[in-house]
Amino acid sequence: KDLCDMPSNSNSAKTMDEWLREQNVPGVFSVDTRKITKLIRKSGIVKCLISTEGISLAKAKELCDEGKLRGDWMKEVSTKEKYVLDAAPDEENKDDAFKVAVLDFGVKANILKCLQKRNCELTVYPYGTSAEEVLEDKPDGIFLTNGPGDPEEATEAIEEVKNLIRLSEIPMFGICMGHQILAISLGGKTYKLKYGHRGGNHGVYDKETKRSYITSQNHGYAVQHESIILKGMEVTHLNLNDGTVEGMEHRDLPVFSVQFHPEASPGPNDNTYLFDKFINMMKKAKKEDGENA
């Protein structure tokens, strides 16, 4: 595609080139995007190199072969300090207040808003925070967020989620990366997809409600189906395009997760009921704790 260097929209403040330079982001133009699309469709996810220097194809291939995705992106994008967000309930959710521990692997702002509007006070923890520190704050629920990178590289997070499950039976909900980390923490496995799921129009089947939904997705890894079945999990959601696991729930523990983004913004809002499911889990746990007190 070509780069427009003379935008004509009355709302335009600057050119794309100017904005990219301000953000220190590299960009390319005048490339055959259809050819690139065909290449990805045929070969799957491929490495790419953008260079400001004239280098040979052999050198470019050598640099791509040497390149390896960093394993600590979650640590890079996570909050550096613990912080608290007050509940901001709407009219329908003013009765029951909950304290939710958010383990931040690169959380999207709208996820936090979806929880706040359901009367949740959020304590957001940096990547690698110990299970003991989280449990000291006595949360009603634990939320595992989305984030970038290879889930198997998230060794600190995996270890602490294991500890949280071992030390408590607090309701837990994971989205995207949180879903994958939860699966590994329970003994499951993940793998890299040949074609990542990107965009706001992926069909997903909910086995519990027997309904299909349009979902927003942005991930390149998936949970291995057989690995979680053997570890006490049930598959709750399936991708209608390739049959991959899109959601799971533990048979005995109040623990569940989904691969897609129910909070999508922009995107479909068909799946916000999953936040309500998390709220209902916390209500049930609170009631049982009160009866056993």
C-alpha atoms as a PDB file:
ATOM      1  CA  LYS A   1       0.000   0.000   0.000  1.00  0.00           C
ATOM      2  CA  ASP A   2       1.055   3.610  -0.527  1.00  0.00           C
ATOM      3  CA  LEU A   3       1.574   6.204   2.193  1.00  0.00           C
ATOM      4  CA  CYS A   4      -0.609   9.303   2.038  1.00  0.00           C
ATOM      5  CA  ASP A   5       1.620  12.333   2.600  1.00  0.00           C
ATOM      6  CA  MET A   6      -1.156  14.897   1.986  1.00  0.00           C
ATOM      7  CA  PRO A   7      -4.174  13.904   4.115  1.00  0.00           C
ATOM      8  CA  SER A   8      -7.373  15.717   3.139  1.00  0.00           C
ATOM      9  CA  ASN A   9      -9.641  14.792   6.054  1.00  0.00           C
ATOM     10  CA  SER A  10     -10.672  17.927   7.958  1.00  0.00           C
ATOM     11  CA  ASN A  11     -10.019  16.153  11.287  1.00  0.00           C
ATOM     12  CA  SER A  12      -6.486  15.120  10.362  1.00  0.00           C
ATOM     13  CA  ALA A  13      -3.801  16.634  12.620  1.00  0.00           C
ATOM     14  CA  LYS A  14      -0.706  15.092  11.028  1.00  0.00           C
ATOM     15  CA  THR A  15       0.434  12.537   8.497  1.00  0.00           C
ATOM     16  CA  MET A  16       0.980   8.870   9.318  1.00  0.00           C
ATOM     17  CA  ASP A  17       4.706   9.381   8.712  1.00  0.00           C
ATOM     18  CA  GLU A  18       4.850  12.230  11.231  1.00  0.00           C
ATOM     19  CA  TRP A  19       2.986  10.208  13.848  1.00  0.00           C
ATOM     20  CA  LEU A  20       5.199   7.132  13.390  1.00  0.00           C
ATOM     21  CA  ARG A  21       8.329   9.252  13.727  1.00  0.00           C
ATOM     22  CA  GLU A  22       6.996  10.798  16.950  1.00  0.00           C
ATOM     23  CA  GLN A  23       6.321   7.313  18.348  1.00  0.00           C
ATOM     24  CA  ASN A  24       9.684   5.973  17.134  1.00  0.00           C
ATOM     25  CA  VAL A  25       7.896   3.195  15.226  1.00  0.00           C
ATOM     26  CA  PRO A  26       9.304   1.848  11.937  1.00  0.00           C
ATOM     27  CA  GLY A  27       6.970   1.561   8.966  1.00  0.00           C
ATOM     28  CA  VAL A  28       7.046   0.374   5.362  1.00  0.00           C
ATOM     29  CA  PHE A  29       5.027   1.338   2.297  1.00  0.00           C
ATOM     30  CA  SER A  30       4.841   0.634  -1.434  1.00  0.00           C
ATOM     31  CA  VAL A  31       4.904  -3.109  -0.810  1.00  0.00           C
ATOM     32  CA  ASP A  32       2.712  -5.765  -2.419  1.00  0.00           C
ATOM     33  CA  THR A  33       0.372  -6.516   0.500  1.00  0.00           C
ATOM     34  CA  ARG A  34      -1.510  -9.194  -1.456  1.00  0.00           C
ATOM     35  CA  LYS A  35       1.729 -11.080  -2.054  1.00  0.00           C
ATOM     36  CA  ILE A  36       2.534 -10.893   1.665  1.00  0.00           C
ATOM     37  CA  THR A  37      -0.950 -12.170   2.506  1.00  0.00           C
ATOM     38  CA  LYS A  38      -0.535 -15.120   0.137  1.00  0.00           C
ATOM     39  CA  LEU A  39       2.862 -15.922   1.652  1.00  0.00           C
ATOM     40  CA  ILE A  40       1.459 -15.982   5.188  1.00  0.00           C
ATOM     41  CA  ARG A  41      -1.548 -18.024   4.071  1.00  0.00           C
ATOM     42  CA  LYS A  42       0.758 -20.606   2.497  1.00  0.00           C
ATOM     43  CA  SER A  43       3.557 -20.703   5.078  1.00  0.00           C
ATOM     44  CA  GLY A  44       1.872 -19.671   8.313  1.00  0.00           C
ATOM     45  CA  ILE A  45       3.416 -17.148  10.699  1.00  0.00           C
ATOM     46  CA  VAL A  46       6.798 -16.012   9.367  1.00  0.00           C
ATOM     47  CA  LYS A  47       9.581 -13.816  10.717  1.00  0.00           C
ATOM     48  CA  CYS A  48       9.978 -10.370   9.205  1.00  0.00           C
ATOM     49  CA  LEU A  49      12.878  -7.921   9.135  1.00  0.00           C
ATOM     50  CA  ILE A  50      12.616  -4.182   8.492  1.00  0.00           C
ATOM     51  CA  SER A  51      15.934  -2.457   7.818  1.00  0.00           C
ATOM     52  CA  THR A  52      16.963   1.104   7.018  1.00  0.00           C
ATOM     53  CA  GLU A  53      20.138  -0.258   5.433  1.00  0.00           C
ATOM     54  CA  GLY A  54      20.595  -1.980   2.094  1.00  0.00           C
ATOM     55  CA  ILE A  55      21.426  -5.605   2.941  1.00  0.00           C
ATOM     56  CA  SER A  56      21.474  -8.776   0.864  1.00  0.00           C
ATOM     57  CA  LEU A  57      18.741 -11.411   1.057  1.00  0.00           C
ATOM     58  CA  ALA A  58      21.295 -13.824   2.507  1.00  0.00           C
ATOM     59  CA  LYS A  59      22.134 -11.371   5.301  1.00  0.00           C
ATOM     60  CA  ALA A  60      18.446 -10.711   5.968  1.00  0.00           C
ATOM     61  CA  LYS A  61      17.802 -14.455   6.273  1.00  0.00           C
ATOM     62  CA  GLU A  62      20.768 -14.815   8.622  1.00  0.00           C
ATOM     63  CA  LEU A  63      19.454 -12.045  10.883  1.00  0.00           C
ATOM     64  CA  CYS A  64      15.953 -13.562  10.914  1.00  0.00           C
ATOM     65  CA  ASP A  65      17.331 -16.998  11.779  1.00  0.00           C
ATOM     66  CA  GLU A  66      19.334 -15.523  14.649  1.00  0.00           C
ATOM     67  CA  GLY A  67      16.415 -13.548  15.993  1.00  0.00           C
ATOM     68  CA  LYS A  68      14.407 -14.937  18.905  1.00  0.00           C
ATOM     69  CA  LEU A  69      11.373 -13.414  20.527  1.00  0.00           C
ATOM     70  CA  ARG A  70      12.143 -12.183  24.011  1.00  0.00           C
ATOM     71  CA  GLY A  71      10.589 -14.200  26.780  1.00  0.00           C
ATOM     72  CA  ASP A  72      10.052 -11.344  29.220  1.00  0.00           C
ATOM     73  CA  TRP A  73       7.596  -9.125  27.347  1.00  0.00           C
ATOM     74  CA  MET A  74       5.019  -9.595  30.112  1.00  0.00           C
ATOM     75  CA  LYS A  75       7.459  -8.234  32.680  1.00  0.00           C
ATOM     76  CA  GLU A  76       8.144  -5.315  30.336  1.00  0.00           C
ATOM     77  CA  VAL A  77       4.494  -4.267  29.929  1.00  0.00           C
ATOM     78  CA  SER A  78       3.216  -5.123  33.415  1.00  0.00           C
ATOM     79  CA  THR A  79       2.786  -2.437  36.055  1.00  0.00           C
ATOM     80  CA  LYS A  80       5.950  -1.865  38.069  1.00  0.00           C
ATOM     81  CA  GLU A  81       4.097  -1.160  41.322  1.00  0.00           C
ATOM     82  CA  LYS A  82       0.926  -2.437  42.947  1.00  0.00           C
ATOM     83  CA  TYR A  83      -2.027  -0.050  42.688  1.00  0.00           C
ATOM     84  CA  VAL A  84      -5.720   0.006  43.618  1.00  0.00           C
ATOM     85  CA  LEU A  85      -8.724   1.002  41.494  1.00  0.00           C
ATOM     86  CA  ASP A  86     -12.017   1.764  43.220  1.00  0.00           C
ATOM     87  CA  ALA A  87     -15.219   0.053  42.209  1.00  0.00           C
ATOM     88  CA  ALA A  88     -17.387   2.096  39.835  1.00  0.00           C
ATOM     89  CA  PRO A  89     -20.698   0.197  39.776  1.00  0.00           C
ATOM     90  CA  ASP A  90     -23.566   1.007  37.481  1.00  0.00           C
ATOM     91  CA  GLU A  91     -27.163   0.984  38.769  1.00  0.00           C
ATOM     92  CA  GLU A  92     -27.510  -2.793  38.358  1.00  0.00           C
ATOM     93  CA  ASN A  93     -24.432  -3.716  40.408  1.00  0.00           C
ATOM     94  CA  LYS A  94     -24.517  -1.612  43.579  1.00  0.00           C
ATOM     95  CA  ASP A  95     -25.339  -4.352  46.098  1.00  0.00           C
ATOM     96  CA  ASP A  96     -22.424  -6.781  46.291  1.00  0.00           C
ATOM     97  CA  ALA A  97     -18.889  -5.394  46.434  1.00  0.00           C
ATOM     98  CA  PHE A  98     -15.870  -7.604  45.747  1.00  0.00           C
ATOM     99  CA  LYS A  99     -12.111  -7.333  46.144  1.00  0.00           C
ATOM    100  CA  VAL A 100     -10.386  -8.713  43.056  1.00  0.00           C
ATOM    101  CA  ALA A 101      -6.658  -9.349  42.706  1.00  0.00           C
ATOM    102  CA  VAL A 102      -5.543  -8.626  39.129  1.00  0.00           C
ATOM    103  CA  LEU A 103      -2.296 -10.303  38.057  1.00  0.00           C
ATOM    104  CA  ASP A 104      -1.054  -7.959  35.346  1.00  0.00           C
ATOM    105  CA  PHE A 105       0.623  -9.592  32.336  1.00  0.00           C
ATOM    106  CA  GLY A 106      -0.236  -6.617  30.084  1.00  0.00           C
ATOM    107  CA  VAL A 107      -3.842  -5.847  30.986  1.00  0.00           C
ATOM    108  CA  LYS A 108      -6.199  -3.956  28.664  1.00  0.00           C
ATOM    109  CA  ALA A 109      -7.942  -0.966  30.239  1.00  0.00           C
ATOM    110  CA  ASN A 110     -11.409  -2.146  29.255  1.00  0.00           C
ATOM    111  CA  ILE A 111     -10.984  -5.387  31.213  1.00  0.00           C
ATOM    112  CA  LEU A 112     -10.494  -3.316  34.355  1.00  0.00           C
ATOM    113  CA  LYS A 113     -13.539  -1.184  33.499  1.00  0.00           C
ATOM    114  CA  CYS A 114     -15.694  -4.293  32.989  1.00  0.00           C
ATOM    115  CA  LEU A 115     -14.792  -5.449  36.507  1.00  0.00           C
ATOM    116  CA  GLN A 116     -15.124  -2.013  38.109  1.00  0.00           C
ATOM    117  CA  LYS A 117     -18.637  -1.502  36.742  1.00  0.00           C
ATOM    118  CA  ARG A 118     -19.592  -4.823  38.372  1.00  0.00           C
ATOM    119  CA  ASN A 119     -18.665  -3.317  41.747  1.00  0.00           C
ATOM    120  CA  CYS A 120     -15.178  -4.789  42.013  1.00  0.00           C
ATOM    121  CA  GLU A 121     -12.390  -2.984  43.845  1.00  0.00           C
ATOM    122  CA  LEU A 122      -9.245  -3.963  41.965  1.00  0.00           C
ATOM    123  CA  THR A 123      -5.740  -4.418  43.304  1.00  0.00           C
ATOM    124  CA  VAL A 124      -3.393  -4.729  40.325  1.00  0.00           C
ATOM    125  CA  TYR A 125      -0.131  -6.592  40.965  1.00  0.00           C
ATOM    126  CA  PRO A 126       3.150  -6.520  38.999  1.00  0.00           C
ATOM    127  CA  TYR A 127       4.295  -9.560  37.040  1.00  0.00           C
ATOM    128  CA  GLY A 128       5.879 -12.148  39.328  1.00  0.00           C
ATOM    129  CA  THR A 129       4.166 -11.032  42.560  1.00  0.00           C
ATOM    130  CA  SER A 130       4.186 -13.930  45.028  1.00  0.00           C
ATOM    131  CA  ALA A 131       1.023 -15.853  45.846  1.00  0.00           C
ATOM    132  CA  GLU A 132       1.568 -15.099  49.535  1.00  0.00           C
ATOM    133  CA  GLU A 133       1.550 -11.338  48.918  1.00  0.00           C
ATOM    134  CA  VAL A 134      -1.644 -11.591  46.877  1.00  0.00           C
ATOM    135  CA  LEU A 135      -3.401 -13.714  49.510  1.00  0.00           C
ATOM    136  CA  GLU A 136      -2.364 -11.334  52.315  1.00  0.00           C
ATOM    137  CA  ASP A 137      -4.828  -8.815  50.856  1.00  0.00           C
ATOM    138  CA  LYS A 138      -7.670 -11.374  51.205  1.00  0.00           C
ATOM    139  CA  PRO A 139      -9.202 -11.066  47.719  1.00  0.00           C
ATOM    140  CA  ASP A 140     -12.638 -12.460  46.863  1.00  0.00           C
ATOM    141  CA  GLY A 141     -11.444 -13.338  43.365  1.00  0.00           C
ATOM    142  CA  ILE A 142      -8.278 -13.564  41.278  1.00  0.00           C
ATOM    143  CA  PHE A 143      -8.100 -12.360  37.677  1.00  0.00           C
ATOM    144  CA  LEU A 144      -5.363 -13.395  35.219  1.00  0.00           C
ATOM    145  CA  THR A 145      -5.006 -10.858  32.416  1.00  0.00           C
ATOM    146  CA  ASN A 146      -4.038 -10.911  28.774  1.00  0.00           C
ATOM    147  CA  GLY A 147      -0.448 -10.228  27.714  1.00  0.00           C
ATOM    148  CA  PRO A 148       2.172 -10.707  24.969  1.00  0.00           C
ATOM    149  CA  GLY A 149       4.636 -13.482  24.194  1.00  0.00           C
ATOM    150  CA  ASP A 150       5.047 -17.229  24.625  1.00  0.00           C
ATOM    151  CA  PRO A 151       3.122 -18.517  27.681  1.00  0.00           C
ATOM    152  CA  GLU A 152       5.746 -21.152  28.449  1.00  0.00           C
ATOM    153  CA  GLU A 153       8.287 -18.351  28.967  1.00  0.00           C
ATOM    154  CA  ALA A 154       6.165 -16.907  31.802  1.00  0.00           C
ATOM    155  CA  THR A 155       7.851 -19.124  34.393  1.00  0.00           C
ATOM    156  CA  GLU A 156       7.442 -16.727  37.348  1.00  0.00           C
ATOM    157  CA  ALA A 157       3.742 -16.234  36.690  1.00  0.00           C
ATOM    158  CA  ILE A 158       3.139 -19.965  36.185  1.00  0.00           C
ATOM    159  CA  GLU A 159       4.793 -20.795  39.514  1.00  0.00           C
ATOM    160  CA  GLU A 160       2.764 -18.220  41.449  1.00  0.00           C
ATOM    161  CA  VAL A 161      -0.539 -19.256  39.845  1.00  0.00           C
ATOM    162  CA  LYS A 162       0.281 -22.837  40.853  1.00  0.00           C
ATOM    163  CA  ASN A 163       0.798 -21.598  44.407  1.00  0.00           C
ATOM    164  CA  LEU A 164      -2.456 -19.615  44.390  1.00  0.00           C
ATOM    165  CA  ILE A 165      -4.385 -22.730  43.357  1.00  0.00           C
ATOM    166  CA  ARG A 166      -2.536 -24.839  45.940  1.00  0.00           C
ATOM    167  CA  LEU A 167      -2.986 -22.396  48.825  1.00  0.00           C
ATOM    168  CA  SER A 168      -6.593 -21.322  48.273  1.00  0.00           C
ATOM    169  CA  GLU A 169      -9.882 -22.066  46.560  1.00  0.00           C
ATOM    170  CA  ILE A 170     -10.576 -18.458  45.622  1.00  0.00           C
ATOM    171  CA  PRO A 171     -12.529 -18.051  42.343  1.00  0.00           C
ATOM    172  CA  MET A 172     -10.165 -17.444  39.422  1.00  0.00           C
ATOM    173  CA  PHE A 173     -10.847 -16.139  35.899  1.00  0.00           C
ATOM    174  CA  GLY A 174      -8.289 -15.866  33.093  1.00  0.00           C
ATOM    175  CA  ILE A 175      -8.409 -14.204  29.669  1.00  0.00           C
ATOM    176  CA  CYS A 176      -6.073 -14.820  26.688  1.00  0.00           C
ATOM    177  CA  MET A 177      -2.541 -15.098  28.154  1.00  0.00           C
ATOM    178  CA  GLY A 178      -4.156 -15.657  31.551  1.00  0.00           C
ATOM    179  CA  HIS A 179      -6.019 -18.622  30.043  1.00  0.00           C
ATOM    180  CA  GLN A 180      -2.777 -20.132  28.749  1.00  0.00           C
ATOM    181  CA  ILE A 181      -0.844 -19.547  31.985  1.00  0.00           C
ATOM    182  CA  LEU A 182      -3.687 -21.140  33.938  1.00  0.00           C
ATOM    183  CA  ALA A 183      -3.613 -24.208  31.682  1.00  0.00           C
ATOM    184  CA  ILE A 184       0.149 -24.653  32.142  1.00  0.00           C
ATOM    185  CA  SER A 185      -0.169 -24.084  35.905  1.00  0.00           C
ATOM    186  CA  LEU A 186      -2.629 -26.969  36.080  1.00  0.00           C
ATOM    187  CA  GLY A 187      -0.309 -29.286  34.137  1.00  0.00           C
ATOM    188  CA  GLY A 188      -1.537 -28.582  30.611  1.00  0.00           C
ATOM    189  CA  LYS A 189       0.482 -27.653  27.533  1.00  0.00           C
ATOM    190  CA  THR A 190       0.384 -24.931  24.889  1.00  0.00           C
ATOM    191  CA  TYR A 191       1.592 -24.817  21.290  1.00  0.00           C
ATOM    192  CA  LYS A 192       2.199 -22.220  18.597  1.00  0.00           C
ATOM    193  CA  LEU A 193      -0.542 -21.863  15.995  1.00  0.00           C
ATOM    194  CA  LYS A 194       0.408 -21.999  12.324  1.00  0.00           C
ATOM    195  CA  TYR A 195      -2.101 -19.212  11.751  1.00  0.00           C
ATOM    196  CA  GLY A 196      -2.635 -16.895  14.710  1.00  0.00           C
ATOM    197  CA  HIS A 197      -6.132 -15.732  15.558  1.00  0.00           C
ATOM    198  CA  ARG A 198      -6.338 -11.970  14.972  1.00  0.00           C
ATOM    199  CA  GLY A 199      -9.390  -9.761  14.597  1.00  0.00           C
ATOM    200  CA  GLY A 200     -12.920  -9.173  15.798  1.00  0.00           C
ATOM    201  CA  ASN A 201     -14.935 -11.807  13.928  1.00  0.00           C
ATOM    202  CA  HIS A 202     -13.937 -15.278  15.176  1.00  0.00           C
ATOM    203  CA  GLY A 203     -16.794 -17.711  15.729  1.00  0.00           C
ATOM    204  CA  VAL A 204     -16.742 -19.613  19.041  1.00  0.00           C
ATOM    205  CA  TYR A 205     -19.102 -22.330  20.293  1.00  0.00           C
ATOM    206  CA  ASP A 206     -20.068 -22.334  23.989  1.00  0.00           C
ATOM    207  CA  LYS A 207     -20.718 -25.968  24.940  1.00  0.00           C
ATOM    208  CA  GLU A 208     -22.548 -24.998  28.139  1.00  0.00           C
ATOM    209  CA  THR A 209     -25.120 -22.650  26.592  1.00  0.00           C
ATOM    210  CA  LYS A 210     -25.043 -24.469  23.219  1.00  0.00           C
ATOM    211  CA  ARG A 211     -24.778 -21.098  21.495  1.00  0.00           C
ATOM    212  CA  SER A 212     -22.268 -19.644  19.054  1.00  0.00           C
ATOM    213  CA  TYR A 213     -20.747 -16.210  19.513  1.00  0.00           C
ATOM    214  CA  ILE A 214     -18.634 -13.784  17.519  1.00  0.00           C
ATOM    215  CA  THR A 215     -15.479 -12.980  19.477  1.00  0.00           C
ATOM    216  CA  SER A 216     -12.457 -10.696  19.342  1.00  0.00           C
ATOM    217  CA  GLN A 217      -9.108 -12.513  19.388  1.00  0.00           C
ATOM    218  CA  ASN A 218      -5.412 -11.672  19.289  1.00  0.00           C
ATOM    219  CA  HIS A 219      -3.168 -14.646  20.040  1.00  0.00           C
ATOM    220  CA  GLY A 220      -0.583 -16.884  18.379  1.00  0.00           C
ATOM    221  CA  TYR A 221      -0.606 -19.774  20.865  1.00  0.00           C
ATOM    222  CA  ALA A 222      -3.311 -22.201  21.977  1.00  0.00           C
ATOM    223  CA  VAL A 223      -3.948 -24.722  24.751  1.00  0.00           C
ATOM    224  CA  GLN A 224      -3.521 -28.381  23.818  1.00  0.00           C
ATOM    225  CA  HIS A 225      -6.920 -30.070  24.147  1.00  0.00           C
ATOM    226  CA  GLU A 226      -5.822 -33.477  25.463  1.00  0.00           C
ATOM    227  CA  SER A 227      -3.399 -32.040  28.011  1.00  0.00           C
ATOM    228  CA  ILE A 228      -6.045 -30.223  30.058  1.00  0.00           C
ATOM    229  CA  ILE A 229      -8.657 -33.009  29.939  1.00  0.00           C
ATOM    230  CA  LEU A 230      -6.201 -35.191  31.859  1.00  0.00           C
ATOM    231  CA  LYS A 231      -5.705 -32.473  34.502  1.00  0.00           C
ATOM    232  CA  GLY A 232      -9.241 -31.996  35.766  1.00  0.00           C
ATOM    233  CA  MET A 233     -10.375 -29.408  33.222  1.00  0.00           C
ATOM    234  CA  GLU A 234     -13.369 -29.452  30.892  1.00  0.00           C
ATOM    235  CA  VAL A 235     -13.285 -27.677  27.534  1.00  0.00           C
ATOM    236  CA  THR A 236     -16.156 -25.168  27.515  1.00  0.00           C
ATOM    237  CA  HIS A 237     -15.546 -23.243  24.269  1.00  0.00           C
ATOM    238  CA  LEU A 238     -14.278 -24.291  20.834  1.00  0.00           C
ATOM    239  CA  ASN A 239     -13.170 -22.254  17.829  1.00  0.00           C
ATOM    240  CA  LEU A 240     -15.592 -22.825  14.952  1.00  0.00           C
ATOM    241  CA  ASN A 241     -12.875 -22.366  12.314  1.00  0.00           C
ATOM    242  CA  ASP A 242     -10.132 -24.730  13.468  1.00  0.00           C
ATOM    243  CA  GLY A 243     -11.544 -26.522  16.529  1.00  0.00           C
ATOM    244  CA  THR A 244      -8.933 -25.142  18.945  1.00  0.00           C
ATOM    245  CA  VAL A 245      -9.658 -24.704  22.655  1.00  0.00           C
ATOM    246  CA  GLU A 246     -11.239 -21.315  23.401  1.00  0.00           C
ATOM    247  CA  GLY A 247     -12.314 -21.871  26.997  1.00  0.00           C
ATOM    248  CA  MET A 248     -12.038 -24.269  29.925  1.00  0.00           C
ATOM    249  CA  GLU A 249     -13.308 -24.801  33.468  1.00  0.00           C
ATOM    250  CA  HIS A 250     -12.078 -26.973  36.339  1.00  0.00           C
ATOM    251  CA  ARG A 251     -14.334 -29.853  37.355  1.00  0.00           C
ATOM    252  CA  ASP A 252     -13.883 -29.286  41.093  1.00  0.00           C
ATOM    253  CA  LEU A 253     -12.379 -25.826  41.644  1.00  0.00           C
ATOM    254  CA  PRO A 254     -13.971 -22.391  40.964  1.00  0.00           C
ATOM    255  CA  VAL A 255     -11.516 -21.787  38.125  1.00  0.00           C
ATOM    256  CA  PHE A 256     -12.267 -20.970  34.472  1.00  0.00           C
ATOM    257  CA  SER A 257     -10.782 -19.097  31.525  1.00  0.00           C
ATOM    258  CA  VAL A 258     -11.273 -18.129  27.887  1.00  0.00           C
ATOM    259  CA  GLN A 259      -8.820 -17.551  25.051  1.00  0.00           C
ATOM    260  CA  PHE A 260     -10.764 -14.700  23.434  1.00  0.00           C
ATOM    261  CA  HIS A 261     -11.486 -11.170  24.683  1.00  0.00           C
ATOM    262  CA  PRO A 262     -15.006 -10.815  26.148  1.00  0.00           C
ATOM    263  CA  GLU A 263     -14.290  -7.158  26.983  1.00  0.00           C
ATOM    264  CA  ALA A 264     -13.492  -6.308  23.336  1.00  0.00           C
ATOM    265  CA  SER A 265     -13.379  -2.581  22.658  1.00  0.00           C
ATOM    266  CA  PRO A 266     -13.701  -2.133  19.777  1.00  0.00           C
ATOM    267  CA  GLY A 267     -15.308  -5.463  19.011  1.00  0.00           C
ATOM    268  CA  PRO A 268     -18.349  -7.631  19.726  1.00  0.00           C
ATOM    269  CA  ASN A 269     -19.951  -7.466  23.178  1.00  0.00           C
ATOM    270  CA  ASP A 270     -21.631 -10.885  22.998  1.00  0.00           C
ATOM    271  CA  ASN A 271     -19.477 -12.387  25.734  1.00  0.00           C
ATOM    272  CA  THR A 272     -19.557  -9.972  28.664  1.00  0.00           C
ATOM    273  CA  TYR A 273     -21.699 -12.587  30.451  1.00  0.00           C
ATOM    274  CA  LEU A 274     -18.399 -14.241  31.386  1.00  0.00           C
ATOM    275  CA  PHE A 275     -17.648 -11.370  33.775  1.00  0.00           C
ATOM    276  CA  ASP A 276     -21.059 -11.988  35.358  1.00  0.00           C
ATOM    277  CA  LYS A 277     -20.132 -15.662  35.726  1.00  0.00           C
ATOM    278  CA  PHE A 278     -17.017 -14.607  37.643  1.00  0.00           C
ATOM    279  CA  ILE A 279     -19.127 -12.347  39.879  1.00  0.00           C
ATOM    280  CA  ASN A 280     -21.558 -15.193  40.584  1.00  0.00           C
ATOM    281  CA  MET A 281     -18.652 -17.477  41.519  1.00  0.00           C
ATOM    282  CA  MET A 282     -17.478 -14.903  44.062  1.00  0.00           C
ATOM    283  CA  LYS A 283     -21.020 -14.479  45.427  1.00  0.00           C
ATOM    284  CA  LYS A 284     -21.308 -18.233  45.914  1.00  0.00           C
ATOM    285  CA  ALA A 285     -17.902 -18.460  47.605  1.00  0.00           C
ATOM    286  CA  LYS A 286     -18.758 -15.569  49.943  1.00  0.00           C
ATOM    287  CA  LYS A 287     -22.058 -17.189  50.887  1.00  0.00           C
ATOM    288  CA  GLU A 288     -20.389 -20.528  51.601  1.00  0.00           C
ATOM    289  CA  ASP A 289     -17.706 -18.820  53.697  1.00  0.00           C
ATOM    290  CA  GLY A 290     -20.436 -17.074  55.696  1.00  0.00           C
ATOM    291  CA  GLU A 291     -22.288 -20.327  56.318  1.00  0.00           C
ATOM    292  CA  ASN A 292     -19.093 -22.059  57.455  1.00  0.00           C
ATOM    293  CA  ALA A 293     -17.992 -19.208  59.727  1.00  0.00           C
END
